[in-house]
Amino acid sequence: MVHDAQPEPRRFAAESEGFDGSPPAPRRARPRFGCAIALLALALAAAGHWAFWYRARPHALEPSSSRLLDAGPPLPVRLWIPYPHQNLGALGGAVGEPQKVLASAARLAGLPPPAIPRLGPFGMPASRELVVAASADGKTVFAAIRLYPVAAALTRVAGVLGRNPWLAGGEVELGGRPAEVRWDGLTWRLSSGIVALAGELSEPGGERDSAPALAIVELGEPSPPLPAARYTLRNEGGDLVARLGAPLAAPPLPQAPPERVILLWLERKADRSEALLLMEGAREGLLASLPAAAAWARPDGAMKVLPGGSLLRQLAGVRPESFRGGELAATERAAAARAEELAPTWLPLAEGSSAPPLALGGLLAIEPAASQAESLHQLLEEIPILGAAEAQRWGDVAIVLRAAGRYRTLSCWLAADGRSGELRLSR
């Protein structure tokens, strides 16, 4: 037995030496990068997950997959925003106060300002979609937020522990009126001025649009000049576009404002037509705070369209002149001459001879227009006799334009028959 066991140590020794009898090669320490690589991969995955699902950025969702788009009672004004913590966060990062921007845009459109709910210290929690619906007077409100599971759990637990009905559910107060908050699974719901929470959550499907959208505004009733319709905001090649009807091969407005023109705006009604041009100007003295401007109206009323027209009439003696079946008023002779020179561009739009005929249209250079709107707002606020409503209007214009400061131009138009239209922010 002893003899049989002796070769084993010799074989081990032989294996410890080289096959040729040379000394054994030193062992290489195997690099232990497995854990480090795994941790790095985990960190990158977590960062990518956060960037895609939580970081403030424009994030679209297909309306066909929404569960809130048609939820709640049928109210005339409805706003739907997917991933609101990201989309509203991106807007807030650009302008600071997204609620203020939305309120200004609503006033300019003649709509009640949307009451975007904030869940106490959570603000806008991580969620898949938000819907806010309201009556025309804003007294009846329905809102719903479909949260991520963890965000919903944390919100409800915080509400229960803090006895906060806004988070946990219960009776609350909204704008001085009683309201109710309740949960449906992961969905937080708010109602004010509604006897009962009508309608359960809608299921995706039907004839809904499957193209990704950044927001939808739905008007159940006309809000002149806007017809009752669903207006969807999308990203098209870097531009933000909200379109009514099918896209046109040849849009009625040019791609950019004419040279030295900051704003071109027109509006047509059954009994009158109006056009306004704001232009670059270099003045001193009384009119230094005003942009050069020209306004046309048919049959009359150009001075009412001209910004600060009452002040210009009283202090500078500005008077309208007859032009192309209406009257033209301008802050100075050079502005009137420029408007007359550009008449082949704007007059057919204002007269309704474009294809299609327009109810309204606008084209502006955003940065200079925002600066001029702010100047007009400040001037009109300093002279109350000119009207607080006019000052408010130009203040709202300035706020909305500052929110669009990352874009170069804004264009919008609506056909007179209400079947087609477009709003486009172009880079």
Protein backbone atom coordinates (compact mmCIF):
# COMPACT_ATOMS: atom_id res chain seq x y z
CA MET A 1 0.00 0.00 0.00
CA VAL A 2 2.86 2.29 0.87
CA HIS A 3 4.59 1.48 -2.40
CA ASP A 4 1.45 2.18 -4.41
CA ALA A 5 0.99 5.59 -2.73
CA GLN A 6 4.49 6.89 -3.55
CA PRO A 7 4.02 7.79 -7.25
CA GLU A 8 1.25 10.29 -6.45
CA PRO A 9 3.51 12.88 -4.78
CA ARG A 10 6.01 12.50 -7.63
CA ARG A 11 3.23 13.12 -10.20
CA PHE A 12 2.19 16.22 -8.29
CA ALA A 13 5.75 17.41 -8.26
CA ALA A 14 6.06 16.80 -11.97
CA GLU A 15 2.93 18.82 -12.62
CA SER A 16 4.32 21.58 -10.42
CA GLU A 17 7.35 21.73 -12.71
CA GLY A 18 7.24 22.46 -16.38
CA PHE A 19 6.78 19.61 -18.79
CA ASP A 20 10.39 20.05 -19.71
CA GLY A 21 11.53 20.05 -16.11
CA SER A 22 11.86 23.87 -15.93
CA PRO A 23 10.74 25.76 -12.82
CA PRO A 24 6.99 26.44 -12.66
CA ALA A 25 5.73 29.75 -14.14
CA PRO A 26 4.36 32.20 -11.58
CA ARG A 27 0.57 32.22 -11.28
CA ARG A 28 -1.22 35.25 -12.71
CA ALA A 29 -3.73 36.93 -10.46
CA ARG A 30 -7.03 36.89 -12.33
CA PRO A 31 -8.46 40.42 -12.45
CA ARG A 32 -11.67 40.63 -10.47
CA PHE A 33 -13.68 43.11 -12.49
CA GLY A 34 -16.94 41.18 -12.40
CA CYS A 35 -18.44 43.03 -9.45
CA ALA A 36 -17.24 46.40 -10.71
CA ILE A 37 -18.70 45.77 -14.16
CA ALA A 38 -21.98 44.62 -12.66
CA LEU A 39 -22.19 47.72 -10.44
CA LEU A 40 -21.36 49.98 -13.38
CA ALA A 41 -24.01 48.32 -15.55
CA LEU A 42 -26.54 48.68 -12.73
CA ALA A 43 -25.67 52.38 -12.29
CA LEU A 44 -25.97 53.03 -16.03
CA ALA A 45 -29.31 51.21 -16.15
CA ALA A 46 -30.59 53.23 -13.20
CA ALA A 47 -29.43 56.49 -14.79
CA GLY A 48 -31.06 55.56 -18.10
CA HIS A 49 -34.28 54.59 -16.34
CA TRP A 50 -34.33 57.89 -14.46
CA ALA A 51 -33.53 59.92 -17.58
CA PHE A 52 -36.29 58.24 -19.60
CA TRP A 53 -39.06 58.05 -16.99
CA TYR A 54 -38.35 60.81 -14.46
CA ARG A 55 -36.09 63.57 -15.83
CA ALA A 56 -37.95 66.73 -16.87
CA ARG A 57 -38.18 66.52 -20.66
CA PRO A 58 -40.83 66.39 -23.40
CA HIS A 59 -42.23 62.84 -23.33
CA ALA A 60 -45.03 61.76 -25.66
CA LEU A 61 -47.66 59.03 -25.30
CA GLU A 62 -50.05 57.49 -27.80
CA PRO A 63 -53.61 58.70 -27.08
CA SER A 64 -54.80 55.20 -28.00
CA SER A 65 -53.12 53.84 -24.86
CA SER A 66 -54.55 56.47 -22.50
CA ARG A 67 -56.92 55.49 -19.70
CA LEU A 68 -57.80 59.07 -18.72
CA LEU A 69 -58.39 60.89 -21.98
CA ASP A 70 -62.16 60.38 -21.82
CA ALA A 71 -62.49 59.81 -18.07
CA GLY A 72 -64.97 61.75 -15.95
CA PRO A 73 -68.06 63.79 -16.83
CA PRO A 74 -68.46 65.45 -20.26
CA LEU A 75 -67.29 69.02 -19.58
CA PRO A 76 -66.71 71.54 -22.39
CA VAL A 77 -62.98 72.12 -21.84
CA ARG A 78 -60.49 69.28 -21.33
CA LEU A 79 -56.68 69.23 -21.07
CA TRP A 80 -54.73 65.96 -21.24
CA ILE A 81 -50.97 65.76 -20.57
CA PRO A 82 -48.99 62.50 -20.60
CA TYR A 83 -46.14 62.09 -18.12
CA PRO A 84 -47.00 65.45 -16.49
CA HIS A 85 -44.06 65.33 -14.06
CA GLN A 86 -41.79 65.38 -17.12
CA ASN A 87 -43.68 67.61 -19.55
CA LEU A 88 -44.73 70.21 -16.97
CA GLY A 89 -41.26 69.94 -15.46
CA ALA A 90 -39.72 70.73 -18.85
CA LEU A 91 -42.05 73.72 -19.22
CA GLY A 92 -41.20 74.83 -15.70
CA GLY A 93 -37.49 74.54 -16.44
CA ALA A 94 -37.96 76.80 -19.45
CA VAL A 95 -40.22 79.45 -17.89
CA GLY A 96 -40.27 78.85 -14.14
CA GLU A 97 -44.07 79.04 -13.68
CA PRO A 98 -45.95 76.66 -15.99
CA GLN A 99 -49.31 77.38 -14.30
CA LYS A 100 -48.89 81.08 -15.08
CA VAL A 101 -48.13 80.31 -18.73
CA LEU A 102 -51.14 78.01 -19.07
CA ALA A 103 -53.40 80.63 -17.46
CA SER A 104 -52.17 83.34 -19.86
CA ALA A 105 -52.66 81.07 -22.87
CA ALA A 106 -56.18 80.22 -21.68
CA ARG A 107 -57.12 83.91 -21.32
CA LEU A 108 -55.85 84.67 -24.82
CA ALA A 109 -57.95 81.78 -26.17
CA GLY A 110 -61.02 82.82 -24.15
CA LEU A 111 -60.96 79.64 -22.05
CA PRO A 112 -61.05 79.12 -18.27
CA PRO A 113 -57.55 78.78 -16.83
CA PRO A 114 -56.69 75.10 -16.19
CA ALA A 115 -56.35 74.29 -12.49
CA ILE A 116 -53.38 71.89 -12.50
CA PRO A 117 -53.59 69.99 -9.19
CA ARG A 118 -50.58 69.82 -6.89
CA LEU A 119 -50.48 67.05 -4.31
CA GLY A 120 -49.08 68.94 -1.34
CA PRO A 121 -45.31 68.54 -0.88
CA PHE A 122 -45.23 66.04 -3.76
CA GLY A 123 -46.12 68.75 -6.28
CA MET A 124 -46.68 66.70 -9.42
CA PRO A 125 -45.74 63.11 -8.52
CA ALA A 126 -44.33 60.66 -11.04
CA SER A 127 -47.33 59.71 -13.14
CA ARG A 128 -48.33 58.40 -16.54
CA GLU A 129 -51.00 60.95 -17.42
CA LEU A 130 -53.07 63.87 -16.18
CA VAL A 131 -56.48 65.12 -17.28
CA VAL A 132 -58.24 68.32 -16.18
CA ALA A 133 -61.75 69.15 -17.35
CA ALA A 134 -63.81 72.23 -16.52
CA SER A 135 -67.01 74.09 -17.30
CA ALA A 136 -66.83 77.33 -19.27
CA ASP A 137 -67.02 79.40 -16.07
CA GLY A 138 -64.42 77.25 -14.29
CA LYS A 139 -66.75 76.45 -11.36
CA THR A 140 -67.14 72.77 -12.21
CA VAL A 141 -63.86 70.89 -12.28
CA PHE A 142 -62.77 67.29 -12.72
CA ALA A 143 -59.14 66.16 -12.55
CA ALA A 144 -57.41 62.79 -12.51
CA ILE A 145 -53.78 61.67 -12.26
CA ARG A 146 -52.67 58.09 -13.00
CA LEU A 147 -49.55 57.61 -10.86
CA TYR A 148 -46.73 55.11 -10.94
CA PRO A 149 -47.24 52.36 -8.31
CA VAL A 150 -44.49 53.54 -5.94
CA ALA A 151 -45.56 57.18 -6.23
CA ALA A 152 -49.20 56.22 -5.55
CA ALA A 153 -48.25 54.19 -2.49
CA LEU A 154 -46.05 56.94 -1.05
CA THR A 155 -48.72 59.58 -1.68
CA ARG A 156 -51.48 57.60 0.01
CA VAL A 157 -49.32 56.61 2.99
CA ALA A 158 -48.23 60.23 3.46
CA GLY A 159 -51.86 61.32 3.32
CA VAL A 160 -52.97 58.77 5.89
CA LEU A 161 -50.09 59.52 8.27
CA GLY A 162 -50.48 63.26 7.85
CA ARG A 163 -54.30 63.13 7.84
CA ASN A 164 -54.27 65.08 4.59
CA PRO A 165 -57.44 64.49 2.54
CA TRP A 166 -55.76 65.93 -0.57
CA LEU A 167 -53.42 62.95 -0.53
CA ALA A 168 -55.43 60.22 1.21
CA GLY A 169 -58.87 61.14 -0.15
CA GLY A 170 -61.84 62.89 1.39
CA GLU A 171 -63.59 66.26 1.48
CA VAL A 172 -61.41 69.24 0.45
CA GLU A 173 -61.87 72.84 -0.68
CA LEU A 174 -61.01 74.09 -4.18
CA GLY A 175 -61.21 77.82 -4.92
CA GLY A 176 -63.47 78.37 -1.94
CA ARG A 177 -65.89 75.65 -3.04
CA PRO A 178 -66.31 72.13 -1.64
CA ALA A 179 -64.63 69.35 -3.57
CA GLU A 180 -63.94 65.64 -3.20
CA VAL A 181 -60.79 63.57 -3.62
CA ARG A 182 -60.82 59.80 -4.03
CA TRP A 183 -58.60 57.01 -5.29
CA ASP A 184 -59.36 54.41 -7.96
CA GLY A 185 -56.41 52.04 -7.71
CA LEU A 186 -53.41 54.04 -8.92
CA THR A 187 -55.55 56.99 -10.06
CA TRP A 188 -56.10 60.08 -7.92
CA ARG A 189 -59.38 61.86 -8.75
CA LEU A 190 -60.75 65.30 -7.85
CA SER A 191 -64.21 66.74 -8.45
CA SER A 192 -65.72 70.13 -7.61
CA GLY A 193 -69.25 71.24 -8.43
CA ILE A 194 -70.17 67.72 -9.53
CA VAL A 195 -72.90 65.87 -7.63
CA ALA A 196 -71.26 62.51 -8.24
CA LEU A 197 -68.05 61.39 -9.89
CA ALA A 198 -69.53 60.38 -13.20
CA GLY A 199 -67.96 57.66 -15.29
CA GLU A 200 -65.32 55.11 -14.53
CA LEU A 201 -61.89 55.08 -16.10
CA SER A 202 -62.04 54.61 -19.83
CA GLU A 203 -60.20 51.74 -21.49
CA PRO A 204 -57.83 52.32 -24.43
CA GLY A 205 -59.09 51.48 -27.86
CA GLY A 206 -61.72 52.73 -30.30
CA GLU A 207 -60.77 55.16 -33.03
CA ARG A 208 -58.19 57.06 -31.01
CA ASP A 209 -55.06 58.42 -32.64
CA SER A 210 -52.02 56.16 -32.27
CA ALA A 211 -49.42 58.85 -33.09
CA PRO A 212 -47.52 59.97 -29.95
CA ALA A 213 -48.76 63.27 -28.49
CA LEU A 214 -47.38 65.76 -25.97
CA ALA A 215 -50.74 67.25 -24.98
CA ILE A 216 -54.36 67.46 -26.08
CA VAL A 217 -56.87 70.27 -25.61
CA GLU A 218 -60.45 69.27 -26.34
CA LEU A 219 -63.27 71.79 -26.75
CA GLY A 220 -66.68 70.21 -26.38
CA GLU A 221 -68.30 73.53 -27.29
CA PRO A 222 -67.13 76.26 -29.69
CA SER A 223 -65.04 79.05 -28.18
CA PRO A 224 -65.01 81.60 -31.03
CA PRO A 225 -63.02 81.78 -33.12
CA LEU A 226 -62.02 78.19 -32.21
CA PRO A 227 -64.50 75.47 -33.20
CA ALA A 228 -65.37 72.49 -31.00
CA ALA A 229 -62.62 69.97 -31.75
CA ARG A 230 -59.70 68.00 -30.32
CA TYR A 231 -56.39 69.85 -30.70
CA THR A 232 -53.32 67.61 -30.39
CA LEU A 233 -49.79 68.88 -29.78
CA ARG A 234 -46.99 66.85 -31.39
CA ASN A 235 -43.31 67.04 -32.23
CA GLU A 236 -42.72 67.12 -36.00
CA GLY A 237 -39.08 67.26 -37.01
CA GLY A 238 -38.17 69.46 -34.04
CA ASP A 239 -41.20 71.73 -34.47
CA LEU A 240 -44.13 71.71 -32.05
CA VAL A 241 -47.36 71.45 -34.04
CA ALA A 242 -51.02 71.45 -33.08
CA ARG A 243 -53.19 70.79 -36.11
CA LEU A 244 -56.89 70.75 -36.87
CA GLY A 245 -57.81 68.59 -39.85
CA ALA A 246 -55.40 67.16 -42.41
CA PRO A 247 -52.10 68.93 -43.20
CA LEU A 248 -52.16 71.13 -46.30
CA ALA A 249 -49.69 70.80 -49.16
CA ALA A 250 -49.47 74.62 -49.39
CA PRO A 251 -50.14 76.38 -46.06
CA PRO A 252 -51.72 79.83 -46.45
CA LEU A 253 -49.06 81.65 -44.39
CA PRO A 254 -45.43 82.20 -45.41
CA GLN A 255 -42.70 80.34 -43.54
CA ALA A 256 -41.33 83.41 -41.76
CA PRO A 257 -42.31 87.04 -41.21
CA PRO A 258 -41.29 89.50 -43.92
CA GLU A 259 -38.04 91.39 -43.42
CA ARG A 260 -38.15 93.85 -40.49
CA VAL A 261 -41.61 92.60 -39.48
CA ILE A 262 -41.90 91.18 -35.97
CA LEU A 263 -45.58 90.28 -36.00
CA LEU A 264 -48.24 89.85 -38.63
CA TRP A 265 -51.72 89.22 -37.22
CA LEU A 266 -55.11 89.17 -38.93
CA GLU A 267 -58.67 88.35 -37.94
CA ARG A 268 -61.82 88.18 -40.03
CA LYS A 269 -65.40 88.28 -38.78
CA ALA A 270 -68.71 88.47 -40.55
CA ASP A 271 -68.87 92.28 -40.40
CA ARG A 272 -65.22 93.34 -40.28
CA SER A 273 -61.61 92.45 -41.05
CA GLU A 274 -58.46 93.48 -39.18
CA ALA A 275 -54.70 93.24 -39.69
CA LEU A 276 -51.80 94.33 -37.52
CA LEU A 277 -48.09 94.58 -38.32
CA LEU A 278 -45.43 95.23 -35.66
CA MET A 279 -42.08 96.23 -37.12
CA GLU A 280 -38.58 97.05 -36.07
CA GLY A 281 -38.31 100.72 -35.20
CA ALA A 282 -35.69 103.11 -33.90
CA ARG A 283 -37.12 106.19 -32.25
CA GLU A 284 -36.48 108.61 -29.46
CA GLY A 285 -38.77 110.53 -27.17
CA LEU A 286 -42.45 109.76 -26.56
CA LEU A 287 -42.67 106.75 -28.87
CA ALA A 288 -39.36 105.15 -27.84
CA SER A 289 -41.15 102.39 -25.87
CA LEU A 290 -43.47 101.47 -28.73
CA PRO A 291 -42.59 99.30 -31.71
CA ALA A 292 -43.32 100.67 -35.12
CA ALA A 293 -46.79 99.45 -36.02
CA ALA A 294 -49.45 99.65 -38.69
CA ALA A 295 -53.07 98.51 -38.42
CA TRP A 296 -55.69 98.04 -41.11
CA ALA A 297 -59.41 97.58 -40.54
CA ARG A 298 -62.42 97.34 -42.79
CA PRO A 299 -64.78 99.11 -42.75
CA ASP A 300 -63.13 101.18 -39.97
CA GLY A 301 -61.63 101.00 -36.48
CA ALA A 302 -57.91 100.92 -37.35
CA MET A 303 -57.04 103.11 -34.35
CA LYS A 304 -58.58 100.50 -32.01
CA VAL A 305 -56.41 97.79 -33.55
CA LEU A 306 -53.23 99.87 -33.37
CA PRO A 307 -51.41 99.26 -30.02
CA GLY A 308 -51.69 102.41 -27.91
CA GLY A 309 -53.95 103.94 -30.54
CA SER A 310 -55.83 106.13 -28.05
CA LEU A 311 -52.59 107.54 -26.68
CA LEU A 312 -51.22 108.17 -30.16
CA ARG A 313 -54.41 109.94 -31.20
CA GLN A 314 -54.36 112.22 -28.15
CA LEU A 315 -50.65 112.96 -27.82
CA ALA A 316 -49.21 112.52 -31.30
CA GLY A 317 -52.21 113.42 -33.46
CA VAL A 318 -52.16 110.10 -35.33
CA ARG A 319 -55.14 109.66 -37.68
CA PRO A 320 -56.14 106.79 -40.01
CA GLU A 321 -56.10 107.07 -43.80
CA SER A 322 -58.20 105.28 -46.40
CA PHE A 323 -56.54 102.18 -47.89
CA ARG A 324 -57.92 99.33 -50.01
CA GLY A 325 -61.56 99.60 -48.95
CA GLY A 326 -60.73 100.17 -45.29
CA GLU A 327 -58.50 102.43 -43.25
CA LEU A 328 -54.82 102.23 -42.32
CA ALA A 329 -53.28 103.75 -39.19
CA ALA A 330 -49.60 103.70 -38.27
CA THR A 331 -47.30 104.97 -35.57
CA GLU A 332 -45.27 106.83 -38.20
CA ARG A 333 -45.13 107.40 -41.92
CA ALA A 334 -42.34 104.85 -42.44
CA ALA A 335 -44.48 102.12 -40.84
CA ALA A 336 -47.44 103.01 -43.07
CA ALA A 337 -45.21 102.89 -46.15
CA ARG A 338 -43.84 99.48 -45.15
CA ALA A 339 -47.39 98.15 -44.60
CA GLU A 340 -48.44 99.40 -48.03
CA GLU A 341 -45.36 97.80 -49.57
CA LEU A 342 -46.22 94.44 -47.96
CA ALA A 343 -49.92 94.62 -48.85
CA PRO A 344 -49.63 91.81 -51.46
CA THR A 345 -48.58 89.50 -48.57
CA TRP A 346 -51.11 90.37 -45.85
CA LEU A 347 -54.07 91.94 -47.62
CA PRO A 348 -55.31 88.74 -49.37
CA LEU A 349 -55.22 86.98 -45.99
CA ALA A 350 -57.16 89.79 -44.32
CA GLU A 351 -59.67 90.03 -47.17
CA GLY A 352 -60.35 86.28 -47.22
CA SER A 353 -59.00 85.60 -50.72
CA SER A 354 -56.36 83.10 -49.58
CA ALA A 355 -56.73 79.32 -49.97
CA PRO A 356 -58.34 78.42 -47.67
CA PRO A 357 -59.98 81.69 -46.54
CA LEU A 358 -58.91 82.39 -42.96
CA ALA A 359 -60.77 83.39 -39.83
CA LEU A 360 -57.49 84.31 -38.17
CA GLY A 361 -53.78 84.01 -38.78
CA GLY A 362 -50.56 85.07 -37.17
CA LEU A 363 -46.84 84.94 -37.87
CA LEU A 364 -44.15 86.30 -35.58
CA ALA A 365 -40.49 86.25 -34.68
CA ILE A 366 -40.61 85.05 -31.08
CA GLU A 367 -37.68 86.77 -29.33
CA PRO A 368 -38.21 90.32 -30.66
CA ALA A 369 -41.98 89.93 -30.36
CA ALA A 370 -41.68 88.95 -26.69
CA SER A 371 -39.53 92.01 -25.99
CA GLN A 372 -41.97 94.32 -27.74
CA ALA A 373 -44.96 92.77 -25.99
CA GLU A 374 -43.27 93.34 -22.63
CA SER A 375 -42.60 96.98 -23.54
CA LEU A 376 -46.23 97.49 -24.55
CA HIS A 377 -47.43 95.81 -21.36
CA GLN A 378 -45.29 98.07 -19.18
CA LEU A 379 -46.34 101.20 -21.05
CA LEU A 380 -50.06 100.38 -20.87
CA GLU A 381 -49.79 99.52 -17.17
CA GLU A 382 -48.18 102.89 -16.45
CA ILE A 383 -51.07 104.70 -18.16
CA PRO A 384 -54.27 103.17 -16.63
CA ILE A 385 -56.58 105.37 -18.72
CA LEU A 386 -55.69 103.28 -21.76
CA GLY A 387 -57.44 100.25 -20.26
CA ALA A 388 -56.42 97.47 -17.91
CA ALA A 389 -57.77 94.82 -20.31
CA GLU A 390 -55.39 95.91 -23.06
CA ALA A 391 -52.45 95.87 -20.64
CA GLN A 392 -53.45 92.38 -19.46
CA ARG A 393 -53.69 91.11 -23.03
CA TRP A 394 -50.17 92.23 -23.96
CA GLY A 395 -48.86 90.90 -20.65
CA ASP A 396 -50.34 87.50 -21.46
CA VAL A 397 -48.82 87.64 -24.94
CA ALA A 398 -45.39 88.35 -23.43
CA ILE A 399 -45.67 85.46 -20.95
CA VAL A 400 -46.65 82.95 -23.61
CA LEU A 401 -43.92 84.12 -25.98
CA ARG A 402 -41.26 83.88 -23.28
CA ALA A 403 -42.37 80.29 -22.70
CA ALA A 404 -41.66 79.61 -26.38
CA GLY A 405 -38.23 81.24 -26.24
CA ARG A 406 -36.43 78.11 -27.45
CA TYR A 407 -38.11 78.48 -30.84
CA ARG A 408 -37.50 81.00 -33.60
CA THR A 409 -40.95 81.65 -35.08
CA LEU A 410 -44.58 80.96 -34.28
CA SER A 411 -47.29 80.68 -36.90
CA CYS A 412 -50.98 79.95 -36.53
CA TRP A 413 -54.01 79.99 -38.74
CA LEU A 414 -57.61 78.82 -38.69
CA ALA A 415 -59.75 78.37 -41.79
CA ALA A 416 -62.99 80.35 -41.95
CA ASP A 417 -65.04 77.14 -42.16
CA GLY A 418 -63.43 75.83 -38.95
CA ARG A 419 -62.35 72.56 -40.55
CA SER A 420 -58.61 73.10 -40.73
CA GLY A 421 -55.94 75.04 -38.89
CA GLU A 422 -52.47 74.82 -37.45
CA LEU A 423 -50.27 76.24 -34.71
CA ARG A 424 -46.54 75.70 -35.26
CA LEU A 425 -43.48 76.60 -33.22
CA SER A 426 -40.46 76.39 -35.53
CA ARG A 427 -36.81 76.21 -34.51
